[in-house]
Amino acid sequence: MHTVGIPQDIRERIAKRRGRFEIFDRLDAARTVLIVIDMQKAFVAEGAPVEVPLARGIIPNVNCLADALRKAGGTVCWITTALTDAGGAHPWTVFYDHFTTPEFARAHLAAMTEGAPLHGLAEGLDVRAEDLQVCKDRFSCFIQGSSPLDGILRQRGIDTVVIAGTLTNRCCESSARDAMMIGYKVVFVEDANAAATDDEHVWALINIASAFGDVRRTDEVLAMLAP
């Protein structure tokens, strides 16, 4: 996993504006969900087309968070990306046409297609029958039209999301930003998220802490759940 974090001078600047660096001290488990984003074989398996090698290292922390939240009476939700080759106004058209090569677009779509060999959750994740599993078809699981997640959480009275998964600076950051903007309290777990490089990971953490949520480590989140 990543061993770097937000530089101290930036932490101090954020704390000066916010009043302190961390805002949320406790988690009400009954109103909290751990959202684990895109920990699929396509991202985690060795040699996968969108492999994030550091994602393999966060599996123990993800499992630890999931176990603790379940025991405290909270909710665990596994988010997977599921795409279809719909053509036309498909939400990925601009991304595939302008931000990838045709070869990458084909490999990405093939891996992200529901039922494909690499689409499922990665080996080693402690997924339980009582957990939620939700598919999204955008980077963010909260943006309009991406998934039914927001409605599911509001029906359960959930107002706080703890975010883990991959990539830190893409789907995880996008989901955290949108979650805050539609009214959720966000806790982003720095050592349970993974990006392609340390720099991308840290800049995403800075963005979250600057305006969208708390950035905490796994042990801190566990302490926030304690009775």
Protein backbone atom coordinates (compact mmCIF):
# COMPACT_ATOMS: atom_id res chain seq x y z
CA MET A 1 0.00 0.00 0.00
CA HIS A 2 1.00 3.65 -0.18
CA THR A 3 3.25 4.81 2.65
CA VAL A 4 2.94 8.53 1.90
CA GLY A 5 0.35 11.01 3.10
CA ILE A 6 -0.62 14.66 3.03
CA PRO A 7 2.44 16.85 3.71
CA GLN A 8 2.42 18.59 7.07
CA ASP A 9 2.43 22.12 5.65
CA ILE A 10 -0.68 21.36 3.60
CA ARG A 11 -2.36 19.72 6.61
CA GLU A 12 -1.70 22.90 8.58
CA ARG A 13 -3.10 25.11 5.83
CA ILE A 14 -6.24 22.99 5.58
CA ALA A 15 -6.61 22.96 9.37
CA LYS A 16 -6.35 26.74 9.52
CA ARG A 17 -9.28 27.15 7.13
CA ARG A 18 -11.42 24.35 8.61
CA GLY A 19 -10.60 25.11 12.23
CA ARG A 20 -8.89 21.74 12.62
CA PHE A 21 -7.74 19.07 10.20
CA GLU A 22 -10.25 16.35 11.15
CA ILE A 23 -13.90 17.35 11.48
CA PHE A 24 -15.66 14.11 12.42
CA ASP A 25 -14.69 12.48 15.72
CA ARG A 26 -17.21 9.65 16.00
CA LEU A 27 -19.07 7.36 13.64
CA ASP A 28 -22.65 6.30 14.35
CA ALA A 29 -22.41 2.80 12.90
CA ALA A 30 -26.13 2.51 12.28
CA ARG A 31 -25.94 5.56 10.00
CA THR A 32 -22.61 4.67 8.38
CA VAL A 33 -21.69 2.65 5.30
CA LEU A 34 -18.28 1.44 4.19
CA ILE A 35 -18.22 1.80 0.41
CA VAL A 36 -15.52 -0.33 -1.20
CA ILE A 37 -15.06 0.82 -4.78
CA ASP A 38 -13.87 -1.20 -7.78
CA MET A 39 -11.82 -3.83 -5.95
CA GLN A 40 -12.37 -6.05 -8.96
CA LYS A 41 -10.00 -8.52 -10.58
CA ALA A 42 -9.65 -6.10 -13.50
CA PHE A 43 -7.88 -3.68 -11.14
CA VAL A 44 -6.32 -5.98 -8.56
CA ALA A 45 -5.16 -9.13 -10.39
CA GLU A 46 -1.60 -9.30 -11.66
CA GLY A 47 -1.42 -8.50 -15.37
CA ALA A 48 -5.00 -7.23 -15.56
CA PRO A 49 -5.64 -4.55 -18.23
CA VAL A 50 -6.24 -1.79 -15.67
CA GLU A 51 -4.02 -3.24 -12.95
CA VAL A 52 -3.31 -1.12 -9.87
CA PRO A 53 -0.58 -3.14 -8.13
CA LEU A 54 -0.85 -1.21 -4.86
CA ALA A 55 -4.52 -2.21 -4.60
CA ARG A 56 -3.47 -5.69 -3.54
CA GLY A 57 -1.83 -4.23 -0.46
CA ILE A 58 -4.98 -2.57 0.87
CA ILE A 59 -7.05 -5.77 1.03
CA PRO A 60 -6.24 -6.45 4.73
CA ASN A 61 -7.30 -2.93 5.73
CA VAL A 62 -10.48 -3.13 3.65
CA ASN A 63 -11.38 -6.43 5.33
CA CYS A 64 -10.58 -5.01 8.76
CA LEU A 65 -12.82 -2.00 8.21
CA ALA A 66 -15.63 -4.19 6.87
CA ASP A 67 -15.45 -6.55 9.84
CA ALA A 68 -15.44 -3.73 12.38
CA LEU A 69 -18.36 -1.91 10.81
CA ARG A 70 -20.47 -5.06 10.59
CA LYS A 71 -19.81 -5.86 14.26
CA ALA A 72 -20.75 -2.30 15.22
CA GLY A 73 -24.07 -2.57 13.37
CA GLY A 74 -23.12 -0.70 10.22
CA THR A 75 -23.41 -1.45 6.51
CA VAL A 76 -20.79 -2.66 4.03
CA CYS A 77 -21.30 -2.06 0.32
CA TRP A 78 -19.13 -3.44 -2.49
CA ILE A 79 -19.25 -1.28 -5.63
CA THR A 80 -18.31 -2.70 -9.01
CA THR A 81 -18.13 -1.02 -12.39
CA ALA A 82 -20.33 -2.71 -14.98
CA LEU A 83 -20.34 -1.42 -18.56
CA THR A 84 -22.08 -2.39 -21.77
CA ASP A 85 -21.20 -1.54 -25.35
CA ALA A 86 -24.39 0.46 -25.90
CA GLY A 87 -23.01 2.83 -28.54
CA GLY A 88 -24.64 6.18 -29.30
CA ALA A 89 -25.01 8.29 -26.18
CA HIS A 90 -23.19 5.78 -23.99
CA PRO A 91 -21.74 7.62 -20.94
CA TRP A 92 -18.22 6.44 -21.76
CA THR A 93 -18.22 7.64 -25.38
CA VAL A 94 -16.22 10.82 -24.73
CA PHE A 95 -13.76 8.98 -22.47
CA TYR A 96 -13.15 6.22 -24.99
CA ASP A 97 -13.04 8.59 -27.98
CA HIS A 98 -10.68 11.16 -26.49
CA PHE A 99 -8.89 9.93 -23.35
CA THR A 100 -7.76 6.41 -24.34
CA THR A 101 -6.34 4.54 -27.26
CA PRO A 102 -8.74 2.24 -29.12
CA GLU A 103 -6.80 -0.74 -27.78
CA PHE A 104 -7.20 0.37 -24.16
CA ALA A 105 -10.87 1.19 -24.71
CA ARG A 106 -11.55 -2.34 -25.98
CA ALA A 107 -9.62 -3.95 -23.12
CA HIS A 108 -11.30 -1.73 -20.51
CA LEU A 109 -14.78 -2.40 -21.83
CA ALA A 110 -14.14 -6.13 -22.04
CA ALA A 111 -12.89 -6.28 -18.45
CA MET A 112 -15.72 -4.12 -17.11
CA THR A 113 -18.51 -6.09 -18.77
CA GLU A 114 -20.66 -7.89 -16.21
CA GLY A 115 -19.97 -11.62 -16.32
CA ALA A 116 -16.49 -11.22 -17.82
CA PRO A 117 -13.67 -13.20 -16.12
CA LEU A 118 -12.08 -10.05 -14.64
CA HIS A 119 -15.29 -8.31 -13.66
CA GLY A 120 -15.80 -10.01 -10.30
CA LEU A 121 -14.42 -8.95 -6.93
CA ALA A 122 -10.77 -9.75 -6.28
CA GLU A 123 -9.57 -12.78 -4.39
CA GLY A 124 -9.02 -12.27 -0.67
CA LEU A 125 -11.84 -9.81 -0.04
CA ASP A 126 -14.09 -10.78 2.88
CA VAL A 127 -17.49 -10.37 1.24
CA ARG A 128 -20.46 -11.51 3.34
CA ALA A 129 -24.00 -12.43 2.36
CA GLU A 130 -25.45 -9.55 4.38
CA ASP A 131 -23.35 -6.96 2.53
CA LEU A 132 -24.74 -4.80 -0.24
CA GLN A 133 -23.40 -5.20 -3.77
CA VAL A 134 -24.14 -2.37 -6.21
CA CYS A 135 -23.01 -1.84 -9.81
CA LYS A 136 -22.18 1.59 -11.24
CA ASP A 137 -21.52 2.68 -14.80
CA ARG A 138 -19.68 5.97 -14.18
CA PHE A 139 -16.50 6.80 -12.26
CA SER A 140 -18.63 8.08 -9.37
CA CYS A 141 -21.24 5.84 -7.79
CA PHE A 142 -23.22 8.91 -6.67
CA ILE A 143 -23.48 10.96 -9.84
CA GLN A 144 -26.96 11.02 -11.37
CA GLY A 145 -27.71 7.92 -13.42
CA SER A 146 -24.67 5.97 -12.24
CA SER A 147 -26.24 3.59 -9.73
CA PRO A 148 -29.16 3.19 -7.29
CA LEU A 149 -26.82 3.62 -4.32
CA ASP A 150 -28.07 6.99 -3.07
CA GLY A 151 -31.66 5.79 -2.84
CA ILE A 152 -30.63 2.58 -1.08
CA LEU A 153 -28.61 4.46 1.53
CA ARG A 154 -31.29 7.05 2.21
CA GLN A 155 -33.87 4.31 2.75
CA ARG A 156 -31.57 2.89 5.43
CA GLY A 157 -31.11 6.26 7.12
CA ILE A 158 -27.41 6.41 6.29
CA ASP A 159 -25.79 9.84 6.34
CA THR A 160 -22.06 8.98 6.50
CA VAL A 161 -19.90 7.19 3.94
CA VAL A 162 -16.46 5.71 4.58
CA ILE A 163 -14.67 5.26 1.27
CA ALA A 164 -12.05 2.66 0.37
CA GLY A 165 -10.94 1.05 -2.87
CA THR A 166 -9.27 2.01 -6.14
CA LEU A 167 -8.31 4.22 -7.86
CA THR A 168 -7.84 6.85 -5.18
CA ASN A 169 -7.77 9.70 -7.69
CA ARG A 170 -10.48 8.50 -10.02
CA CYS A 171 -13.54 6.54 -8.91
CA CYS A 172 -12.90 6.92 -5.18
CA GLU A 173 -12.25 10.66 -5.30
CA SER A 174 -15.13 11.22 -7.73
CA SER A 175 -17.52 9.33 -5.45
CA ALA A 176 -16.34 11.21 -2.36
CA ARG A 177 -16.82 14.59 -4.03
CA ASP A 178 -20.33 13.75 -5.23
CA ALA A 179 -21.32 12.17 -1.89
CA MET A 180 -20.51 15.36 0.00
CA MET A 181 -22.26 17.53 -2.55
CA ILE A 182 -25.52 15.60 -2.12
CA GLY A 183 -25.40 15.72 1.66
CA TYR A 184 -23.30 12.85 3.02
CA LYS A 185 -20.52 13.16 5.57
CA VAL A 186 -17.40 11.62 4.03
CA VAL A 187 -14.48 9.81 5.64
CA PHE A 188 -11.81 8.82 3.13
CA VAL A 189 -9.41 6.12 4.33
CA GLU A 190 -5.93 6.93 3.08
CA ASP A 191 -4.38 3.49 3.73
CA ALA A 192 -7.39 1.64 2.31
CA ASN A 193 -7.29 3.42 -1.05
CA ALA A 194 -4.82 2.81 -3.87
CA ALA A 195 -3.70 4.67 -6.98
CA ALA A 196 -1.17 3.97 -9.71
CA THR A 197 1.47 6.20 -8.10
CA ASP A 198 2.16 7.88 -4.76
CA ASP A 199 1.82 11.35 -6.30
CA GLU A 200 -1.65 10.66 -7.69
CA HIS A 201 -2.71 9.14 -4.37
CA VAL A 202 -1.51 12.10 -2.29
CA TRP A 203 -3.01 14.77 -4.53
CA ALA A 204 -6.37 13.05 -4.35
CA LEU A 205 -6.12 12.96 -0.54
CA ILE A 206 -5.35 16.69 -0.57
CA ASN A 207 -8.37 17.39 -2.75
CA ILE A 208 -10.67 15.45 -0.42
CA ALA A 209 -9.32 17.06 2.75
CA SER A 210 -9.47 20.51 1.20
CA ALA A 211 -13.23 20.56 0.68
CA PHE A 212 -15.00 17.21 0.63
CA GLY A 213 -14.32 15.11 3.71
CA ASP A 214 -11.99 13.84 6.39
CA VAL A 215 -8.89 11.87 5.47
CA ARG A 216 -8.22 9.23 8.11
CA ARG A 217 -6.16 6.06 8.51
CA THR A 218 -7.69 2.65 9.18
CA ASP A 219 -6.78 2.60 12.86
CA GLU A 220 -8.35 6.02 13.32
CA VAL A 221 -11.60 4.89 11.68
CA LEU A 222 -11.70 1.85 13.93
CA ALA A 223 -11.28 4.09 16.97
CA MET A 224 -14.13 6.31 15.74
CA LEU A 225 -16.39 3.25 15.79
CA ALA A 226 -15.53 2.22 19.34
CA PRO A 227 -18.40 2.45 21.89
